[in-house]
Amino acid sequence: DPSQPDDAPERLAHLPEIDSCYSVAGEDFYLLLVRVA
């Protein structure tokens, strides 16, 4: 729901697998760099 609060970075900050979080232009709101086993 695009009208929901834009708080994804805060909601995802607890996930150590997310190396970086970029706010981006275009269809997507954020691009995450994830590192896993």
All heavy atoms as atom14 arrays in JSON, in Angstrom:
{
  "sequence": "DPSQPDDAPERLAHLPEIDSCYSVAGEDFYLLLVRVA",
  "atom14_mask": [
    [1, 1, 1, 1, 1, 1, 1, 1, 0, 0, 0, 0, 0, 0],
    [1, 1, 1, 1, 1, 1, 1, 0, 0, 0, 0, 0, 0, 0],
    [1, 1, 1, 1, 1, 1, 0, 0, 0, 0, 0, 0, 0, 0],
    [1, 1, 1, 1, 1, 1, 1, 1, 1, 0, 0, 0, 0, 0],
    [1, 1, 1, 1, 1, 1, 1, 0, 0, 0, 0, 0, 0, 0],
    [1, 1, 1, 1, 1, 1, 1, 1, 0, 0, 0, 0, 0, 0],
    [1, 1, 1, 1, 1, 1, 1, 1, 0, 0, 0, 0, 0, 0],
    [1, 1, 1, 1, 1, 0, 0, 0, 0, 0, 0, 0, 0, 0],
    [1, 1, 1, 1, 1, 1, 1, 0, 0, 0, 0, 0, 0, 0],
    [1, 1, 1, 1, 1, 1, 1, 1, 1, 0, 0, 0, 0, 0],
    [1, 1, 1, 1, 1, 1, 1, 1, 1, 1, 1, 0, 0, 0],
    [1, 1, 1, 1, 1, 1, 1, 1, 0, 0, 0, 0, 0, 0],
    [1, 1, 1, 1, 1, 0, 0, 0, 0, 0, 0, 0, 0, 0],
    [1, 1, 1, 1, 1, 1, 1, 1, 1, 1, 0, 0, 0, 0],
    [1, 1, 1, 1, 1, 1, 1, 1, 0, 0, 0, 0, 0, 0],
    [1, 1, 1, 1, 1, 1, 1, 0, 0, 0, 0, 0, 0, 0],
    [1, 1, 1, 1, 1, 1, 1, 1, 1, 0, 0, 0, 0, 0],
    [1, 1, 1, 1, 1, 1, 1, 1, 0, 0, 0, 0, 0, 0],
    [1, 1, 1, 1, 1, 1, 1, 1, 0, 0, 0, 0, 0, 0],
    [1, 1, 1, 1, 1, 1, 0, 0, 0, 0, 0, 0, 0, 0],
    [1, 1, 1, 1, 1, 1, 0, 0, 0, 0, 0, 0, 0, 0],
    [1, 1, 1, 1, 1, 1, 1, 1, 1, 1, 1, 1, 0, 0],
    [1, 1, 1, 1, 1, 1, 0, 0, 0, 0, 0, 0, 0, 0],
    [1, 1, 1, 1, 1, 1, 1, 0, 0, 0, 0, 0, 0, 0],
    [1, 1, 1, 1, 1, 0, 0, 0, 0, 0, 0, 0, 0, 0],
    [1, 1, 1, 1, 0, 0, 0, 0, 0, 0, 0, 0, 0, 0],
    [1, 1, 1, 1, 1, 1, 1, 1, 1, 0, 0, 0, 0, 0],
    [1, 1, 1, 1, 1, 1, 1, 1, 0, 0, 0, 0, 0, 0],
    [1, 1, 1, 1, 1, 1, 1, 1, 1, 1, 1, 0, 0, 0],
    [1, 1, 1, 1, 1, 1, 1, 1, 1, 1, 1, 1, 0, 0],
    [1, 1, 1, 1, 1, 1, 1, 1, 0, 0, 0, 0, 0, 0],
    [1, 1, 1, 1, 1, 1, 1, 1, 0, 0, 0, 0, 0, 0],
    [1, 1, 1, 1, 1, 1, 1, 1, 0, 0, 0, 0, 0, 0],
    [1, 1, 1, 1, 1, 1, 1, 0, 0, 0, 0, 0, 0, 0],
    [1, 1, 1, 1, 1, 1, 1, 1, 1, 1, 1, 0, 0, 0],
    [1, 1, 1, 1, 1, 1, 1, 0, 0, 0, 0, 0, 0, 0],
    [1, 1, 1, 1, 1, 0, 0, 0, 0, 0, 0, 0, 0, 0]
  ],
  "atom14_positions": [
    [[0.86, -1.18, 0.0], [0.0, 0.0, 0.0], [0.9, 1.24, 0.0], [1.5, 1.56, 1.02], [-0.89, -0.02, 1.24], [-1.77, 1.21, 1.36], [-1.78, 2.05, 0.44], [-2.47, 1.32, 2.39], [0.0, 0.0, 0.0], [0.0, 0.0, 0.0], [0.0, 0.0, 0.0], [0.0, 0.0, 0.0], [0.0, 0.0, 0.0], [0.0, 0.0, 0.0]],
    [[1.01, 1.94, -1.14], [1.9, 3.11, -1.21], [1.54, 4.22, -0.23], [2.36, 5.09, 0.05], [1.74, 3.59, -2.66], [1.25, 2.41, -3.41], [0.42, 1.63, -2.44], [0.0, 0.0, 0.0], [0.0, 0.0, 0.0], [0.0, 0.0, 0.0], [0.0, 0.0, 0.0], [0.0, 0.0, 0.0], [0.0, 0.0, 0.0], [0.0, 0.0, 0.0]],
    [[0.32, 4.19, 0.33], [-0.05, 5.23, 1.29], [0.41, 4.91, 2.72], [0.3, 5.74, 3.61], [-1.57, 5.44, 1.28], [-2.23, 4.3, 1.78], [0.0, 0.0, 0.0], [0.0, 0.0, 0.0], [0.0, 0.0, 0.0], [0.0, 0.0, 0.0], [0.0, 0.0, 0.0], [0.0, 0.0, 0.0], [0.0, 0.0, 0.0], [0.0, 0.0, 0.0]],
    [[0.96, 3.69, 2.91], [1.45, 3.33, 4.25], [2.68, 4.17, 4.57], [3.34, 4.69, 3.68], [1.75, 1.83, 4.35], [3.04, 1.39, 3.68], [3.23, -0.13, 3.72], [2.28, -0.89, 3.6], [4.46, -0.55, 3.88], [0.0, 0.0, 0.0], [0.0, 0.0, 0.0], [0.0, 0.0, 0.0], [0.0, 0.0, 0.0], [0.0, 0.0, 0.0]],
    [[3.01, 4.33, 5.86], [4.19, 5.13, 6.23], [5.46, 4.58, 5.56], [5.62, 3.37, 5.4], [4.28, 4.97, 7.75], [2.91, 4.55, 8.17], [2.32, 3.79, 7.01], [0.0, 0.0, 0.0], [0.0, 0.0, 0.0], [0.0, 0.0, 0.0], [0.0, 0.0, 0.0], [0.0, 0.0, 0.0], [0.0, 0.0, 0.0], [0.0, 0.0, 0.0]],
    [[6.33, 5.49, 5.17], [7.58, 5.11, 4.52], [8.64, 4.84, 5.59], [9.55, 5.62, 5.8], [8.03, 6.24, 3.58], [9.25, 5.85, 2.76], [9.63, 4.66, 2.76], [9.83, 6.75, 2.14], [0.0, 0.0, 0.0], [0.0, 0.0, 0.0], [0.0, 0.0, 0.0], [0.0, 0.0, 0.0], [0.0, 0.0, 0.0], [0.0, 0.0, 0.0]],
    [[8.49, 3.7, 6.27], [9.38, 3.38, 7.38], [10.08, 2.03, 7.21], [10.53, 1.43, 8.18], [8.6, 3.41, 8.7], [7.45, 2.41, 8.74], [7.17, 1.76, 7.7], [6.81, 2.29, 9.81], [0.0, 0.0, 0.0], [0.0, 0.0, 0.0], [0.0, 0.0, 0.0], [0.0, 0.0, 0.0], [0.0, 0.0, 0.0], [0.0, 0.0, 0.0]],
    [[10.18, 1.56, 5.97], [10.81, 0.26, 5.72], [12.24, 0.17, 6.28], [12.58, -0.84, 6.88], [10.78, -0.08, 4.23], [0.0, 0.0, 0.0], [0.0, 0.0, 0.0], [0.0, 0.0, 0.0], [0.0, 0.0, 0.0], [0.0, 0.0, 0.0], [0.0, 0.0, 0.0], [0.0, 0.0, 0.0], [0.0, 0.0, 0.0], [0.0, 0.0, 0.0]],
    [[13.09, 1.2, 6.09], [14.45, 1.07, 6.66], [14.44, 0.8, 8.16], [15.22, -0.03, 8.64], [15.1, 2.41, 6.32], [14.37, 2.87, 5.1], [12.94, 2.42, 5.31], [0.0, 0.0, 0.0], [0.0, 0.0, 0.0], [0.0, 0.0, 0.0], [0.0, 0.0, 0.0], [0.0, 0.0, 0.0], [0.0, 0.0, 0.0], [0.0, 0.0, 0.0]],
    [[13.58, 1.48, 8.89], [13.51, 1.26, 10.33], [12.98, -0.14, 10.65], [13.47, -0.79, 11.57], [12.61, 2.32, 11.0], [13.17, 3.73, 10.94], [12.9, 4.45, 9.61], [12.12, 3.93, 8.76], [13.5, 5.52, 9.4], [0.0, 0.0, 0.0], [0.0, 0.0, 0.0], [0.0, 0.0, 0.0], [0.0, 0.0, 0.0], [0.0, 0.0, 0.0]],
    [[12.0, -0.59, 9.89], [11.42, -1.91, 10.13], [12.4, -3.05, 9.8], [12.25, -4.15, 10.3], [10.16, -2.09, 9.28], [8.99, -1.28, 9.73], [7.84, -1.47, 8.75], [6.65, -0.8, 9.18], [5.46, -1.39, 9.26], [5.33, -2.66, 8.93], [4.42, -0.72, 9.65], [0.0, 0.0, 0.0], [0.0, 0.0, 0.0], [0.0, 0.0, 0.0]],
    [[13.38, -2.76, 8.95], [14.32, -3.8, 8.52], [15.69, -3.69, 9.18], [16.55, -4.56, 8.97], [14.48, -3.73, 6.99], [13.19, -3.97, 6.2], [13.42, -3.71, 4.72], [12.66, -5.37, 6.45], [0.0, 0.0, 0.0], [0.0, 0.0, 0.0], [0.0, 0.0, 0.0], [0.0, 0.0, 0.0], [0.0, 0.0, 0.0], [0.0, 0.0, 0.0]],
    [[15.92, -2.67, 9.95], [17.24, -2.42, 10.54], [17.73, -3.58, 11.41], [18.94, -3.78, 11.56], [17.22, -1.13, 11.35], [0.0, 0.0, 0.0], [0.0, 0.0, 0.0], [0.0, 0.0, 0.0], [0.0, 0.0, 0.0], [0.0, 0.0, 0.0], [0.0, 0.0, 0.0], [0.0, 0.0, 0.0], [0.0, 0.0, 0.0], [0.0, 0.0, 0.0]],
    [[16.83, -4.38, 11.94], [17.22, -5.48, 12.83], [17.76, -6.7, 12.08], [18.27, -7.63, 12.7], [16.03, -5.9, 13.7], [14.95, -6.58, 12.93], [14.04, -5.89, 12.14], [14.63, -7.9, 12.81], [13.22, -6.76, 11.57], [13.55, -7.99, 11.96], [0.0, 0.0, 0.0], [0.0, 0.0, 0.0], [0.0, 0.0, 0.0], [0.0, 0.0, 0.0]],
    [[17.67, -6.7, 10.75], [18.12, -7.86, 9.97], [19.6, -7.7, 9.59], [19.93, -6.91, 8.7], [17.27, -8.02, 8.71], [15.8, -8.33, 8.94], [15.03, -8.32, 7.62], [15.64, -9.67, 9.64], [0.0, 0.0, 0.0], [0.0, 0.0, 0.0], [0.0, 0.0, 0.0], [0.0, 0.0, 0.0], [0.0, 0.0, 0.0], [0.0, 0.0, 0.0]],
    [[20.48, -8.45, 10.23], [21.92, -8.28, 9.97], [22.33, -8.71, 8.56], [23.4, -8.31, 8.09], [22.59, -9.16, 11.04], [21.55, -10.17, 11.39], [20.22, -9.49, 11.23], [0.0, 0.0, 0.0], [0.0, 0.0, 0.0], [0.0, 0.0, 0.0], [0.0, 0.0, 0.0], [0.0, 0.0, 0.0], [0.0, 0.0, 0.0], [0.0, 0.0, 0.0]],
    [[21.51, -9.48, 7.89], [21.84, -9.93, 6.54], [21.76, -8.79, 5.53], [22.32, -8.87, 4.43], [20.9, -11.05, 6.09], [21.01, -12.31, 6.91], [20.09, -12.32, 8.13], [19.47, -11.27, 8.46], [19.99, -13.38, 8.77], [0.0, 0.0, 0.0], [0.0, 0.0, 0.0], [0.0, 0.0, 0.0], [0.0, 0.0, 0.0], [0.0, 0.0, 0.0]],
    [[21.07, -7.7, 5.88], [20.98, -6.55, 4.99], [22.22, -5.7, 5.19], [22.41, -5.08, 6.23], [19.7, -5.73, 5.24], [18.47, -6.59, 4.99], [19.68, -4.49, 4.34], [17.15, -5.92, 5.33], [0.0, 0.0, 0.0], [0.0, 0.0, 0.0], [0.0, 0.0, 0.0], [0.0, 0.0, 0.0], [0.0, 0.0, 0.0], [0.0, 0.0, 0.0]],
    [[23.07, -5.7, 4.19], [24.34, -4.96, 4.22], [24.1, -3.47, 4.0], [24.68, -2.63, 4.68], [25.26, -5.53, 3.14], [26.61, -4.86, 3.06], [26.67, -3.74, 2.52], [27.6, -5.46, 3.52], [0.0, 0.0, 0.0], [0.0, 0.0, 0.0], [0.0, 0.0, 0.0], [0.0, 0.0, 0.0], [0.0, 0.0, 0.0], [0.0, 0.0, 0.0]],
    [[23.26, -3.13, 3.03], [23.0, -1.73, 2.67], [21.54, -1.57, 2.27], [20.92, -2.5, 1.75], [23.87, -1.29, 1.5], [25.24, -1.47, 1.78], [0.0, 0.0, 0.0], [0.0, 0.0, 0.0], [0.0, 0.0, 0.0], [0.0, 0.0, 0.0], [0.0, 0.0, 0.0], [0.0, 0.0, 0.0], [0.0, 0.0, 0.0], [0.0, 0.0, 0.0]],
    [[21.02, -0.36, 2.48], [19.66, -0.02, 2.09], [19.71, 1.31, 1.35], [20.16, 2.31, 1.91], [18.77, 0.09, 3.33], [17.08, 0.63, 2.98], [0.0, 0.0, 0.0], [0.0, 0.0, 0.0], [0.0, 0.0, 0.0], [0.0, 0.0, 0.0], [0.0, 0.0, 0.0], [0.0, 0.0, 0.0], [0.0, 0.0, 0.0], [0.0, 0.0, 0.0]],
    [[19.28, 1.3, 0.09], [19.31, 2.5, -0.75], [17.89, 2.94, -1.08], [17.09, 2.13, -1.54], [20.04, 2.21, -2.07], [21.42, 1.64, -1.9], [21.64, 0.27, -1.96], [22.52, 2.47, -1.68], [22.91, -0.26, -1.82], [23.79, 1.95, -1.53], [23.98, 0.59, -1.6], [25.24, 0.07, -1.45], [0.0, 0.0, 0.0], [0.0, 0.0, 0.0]],
    [[17.59, 4.2, -0.88], [16.33, 4.77, -1.35], [16.54, 5.06, -2.83], [17.53, 5.7, -3.22], [16.03, 6.07, -0.59], [14.87, 6.67, -1.11], [0.0, 0.0, 0.0], [0.0, 0.0, 0.0], [0.0, 0.0, 0.0], [0.0, 0.0, 0.0], [0.0, 0.0, 0.0], [0.0, 0.0, 0.0], [0.0, 0.0, 0.0], [0.0, 0.0, 0.0]],
    [[15.61, 4.58, -3.68], [15.81, 4.69, -5.13], [14.6, 5.33, -5.81], [13.48, 5.31, -5.29], [16.09, 3.3, -5.77], [17.4, 2.74, -5.25], [14.95, 2.33, -5.51], [0.0, 0.0, 0.0], [0.0, 0.0, 0.0], [0.0, 0.0, 0.0], [0.0, 0.0, 0.0], [0.0, 0.0, 0.0], [0.0, 0.0, 0.0], [0.0, 0.0, 0.0]],
    [[14.84, 5.88, -7.0], [13.78, 6.42, -7.84], [13.27, 5.3, -8.74], [13.99, 4.33, -9.01], [14.31, 7.58, -8.68], [0.0, 0.0, 0.0], [0.0, 0.0, 0.0], [0.0, 0.0, 0.0], [0.0, 0.0, 0.0], [0.0, 0.0, 0.0], [0.0, 0.0, 0.0], [0.0, 0.0, 0.0], [0.0, 0.0, 0.0], [0.0, 0.0, 0.0]],
    [[12.05, 5.42, -9.2], [11.49, 4.4, -10.09], [10.34, 3.67, -9.41], [9.75, 4.16, -8.45], [0.0, 0.0, 0.0], [0.0, 0.0, 0.0], [0.0, 0.0, 0.0], [0.0, 0.0, 0.0], [0.0, 0.0, 0.0], [0.0, 0.0, 0.0], [0.0, 0.0, 0.0], [0.0, 0.0, 0.0], [0.0, 0.0, 0.0], [0.0, 0.0, 0.0]],
    [[10.06, 2.48, -9.9], [8.93, 1.7, -9.37], [9.15, 1.24, -7.94], [8.22, 1.15, -7.16], [8.68, 0.48, -10.25], [8.14, 0.8, -11.62], [7.87, -0.47, -12.41], [7.52, -1.5, -11.79], [8.01, -0.41, -13.63], [0.0, 0.0, 0.0], [0.0, 0.0, 0.0], [0.0, 0.0, 0.0], [0.0, 0.0, 0.0], [0.0, 0.0, 0.0]],
    [[10.39, 0.9, -7.62], [10.7, 0.4, -6.28], [10.98, 1.57, -5.34], [11.34, 2.67, -5.78], [11.89, -0.56, -6.34], [11.6, -1.74, -7.25], [10.53, -2.35, -7.09], [12.43, -2.03, -8.12], [0.0, 0.0, 0.0], [0.0, 0.0, 0.0], [0.0, 0.0, 0.0], [0.0, 0.0, 0.0], [0.0, 0.0, 0.0], [0.0, 0.0, 0.0]],
    [[10.85, 1.31, -4.05], [11.1, 2.35, -3.06], [12.52, 2.25, -2.5], [13.17, 3.25, -2.26], [10.09, 2.24, -1.91], [8.74, 2.8, -2.25], [8.11, 2.51, -3.45], [8.09, 3.63, -1.36], [6.86, 3.03, -3.75], [6.84, 4.15, -1.65], [6.23, 3.85, -2.85], [0.0, 0.0, 0.0], [0.0, 0.0, 0.0], [0.0, 0.0, 0.0]],
    [[12.98, 1.0, -2.28], [14.31, 0.78, -1.71], [14.97, -0.39, -2.43], [14.29, -1.3, -2.91], [14.24, 0.48, -0.21], [13.76, 1.65, 0.6], [12.43, 1.79, 0.94], [14.66, 2.65, 0.99], [11.98, 2.89, 1.65], [14.21, 3.75, 1.71], [12.88, 3.87, 2.03], [12.45, 4.96, 2.72], [0.0, 0.0, 0.0], [0.0, 0.0, 0.0]],
    [[16.28, -0.38, -2.45], [17.07, -1.49, -2.96], [17.98, -1.93, -1.82], [18.73, -1.12, -1.26], [17.9, -1.06, -4.18], [18.69, -2.15, -4.88], [17.74, -3.2, -5.46], [19.54, -1.55, -5.98], [0.0, 0.0, 0.0], [0.0, 0.0, 0.0], [0.0, 0.0, 0.0], [0.0, 0.0, 0.0], [0.0, 0.0, 0.0], [0.0, 0.0, 0.0]],
    [[17.89, -3.21, -1.47], [18.67, -3.75, -0.36], [19.78, -4.63, -0.9], [19.57, -5.42, -1.82], [17.77, -4.61, 0.54], [16.45, -3.99, 1.0], [15.62, -5.02, 1.76], [16.7, -2.75, 1.83], [0.0, 0.0, 0.0], [0.0, 0.0, 0.0], [0.0, 0.0, 0.0], [0.0, 0.0, 0.0], [0.0, 0.0, 0.0], [0.0, 0.0, 0.0]],
    [[20.96, -4.53, -0.32], [22.07, -5.44, -0.61], [22.09, -6.45, 0.53], [22.24, -6.08, 1.7], [23.38, -4.67, -0.67], [24.66, -5.51, -0.82], [24.64, -6.3, -2.12], [25.87, -4.61, -0.76], [0.0, 0.0, 0.0], [0.0, 0.0, 0.0], [0.0, 0.0, 0.0], [0.0, 0.0, 0.0], [0.0, 0.0, 0.0], [0.0, 0.0, 0.0]],
    [[21.9, -7.71, 0.17], [21.77, -8.78, 1.17], [22.91, -9.78, 0.99], [23.25, -10.14, -0.13], [20.39, -9.5, 0.99], [20.28, -10.69, 1.9], [19.26, -8.52, 1.24], [0.0, 0.0, 0.0], [0.0, 0.0, 0.0], [0.0, 0.0, 0.0], [0.0, 0.0, 0.0], [0.0, 0.0, 0.0], [0.0, 0.0, 0.0], [0.0, 0.0, 0.0]],
    [[23.48, -10.23, 2.1], [24.55, -11.23, 2.07], [24.16, -12.39, 2.98], [23.87, -12.19, 4.16], [25.87, -10.64, 2.53], [26.31, -9.48, 1.62], [27.7, -9.02, 1.94], [28.07, -7.83, 1.24], [28.62, -7.78, 0.04], [28.84, -8.89, -0.63], [28.95, -6.62, -0.5], [0.0, 0.0, 0.0], [0.0, 0.0, 0.0], [0.0, 0.0, 0.0]],
    [[24.14, -13.6, 2.39], [23.7, -14.79, 3.13], [24.57, -15.99, 2.78], [25.37, -15.95, 1.85], [22.21, -15.11, 2.83], [21.29, -14.06, 3.38], [21.99, -15.29, 1.34], [0.0, 0.0, 0.0], [0.0, 0.0, 0.0], [0.0, 0.0, 0.0], [0.0, 0.0, 0.0], [0.0, 0.0, 0.0], [0.0, 0.0, 0.0], [0.0, 0.0, 0.0]],
    [[24.36, -17.08, 3.52], [25.15, -18.3, 3.32], [24.7, -19.09, 2.09], [25.51, -19.77, 1.46], [25.08, -19.18, 4.56], [0.0, 0.0, 0.0], [0.0, 0.0, 0.0], [0.0, 0.0, 0.0], [0.0, 0.0, 0.0], [0.0, 0.0, 0.0], [0.0, 0.0, 0.0], [0.0, 0.0, 0.0], [0.0, 0.0, 0.0], [0.0, 0.0, 0.0]]
  ]
}
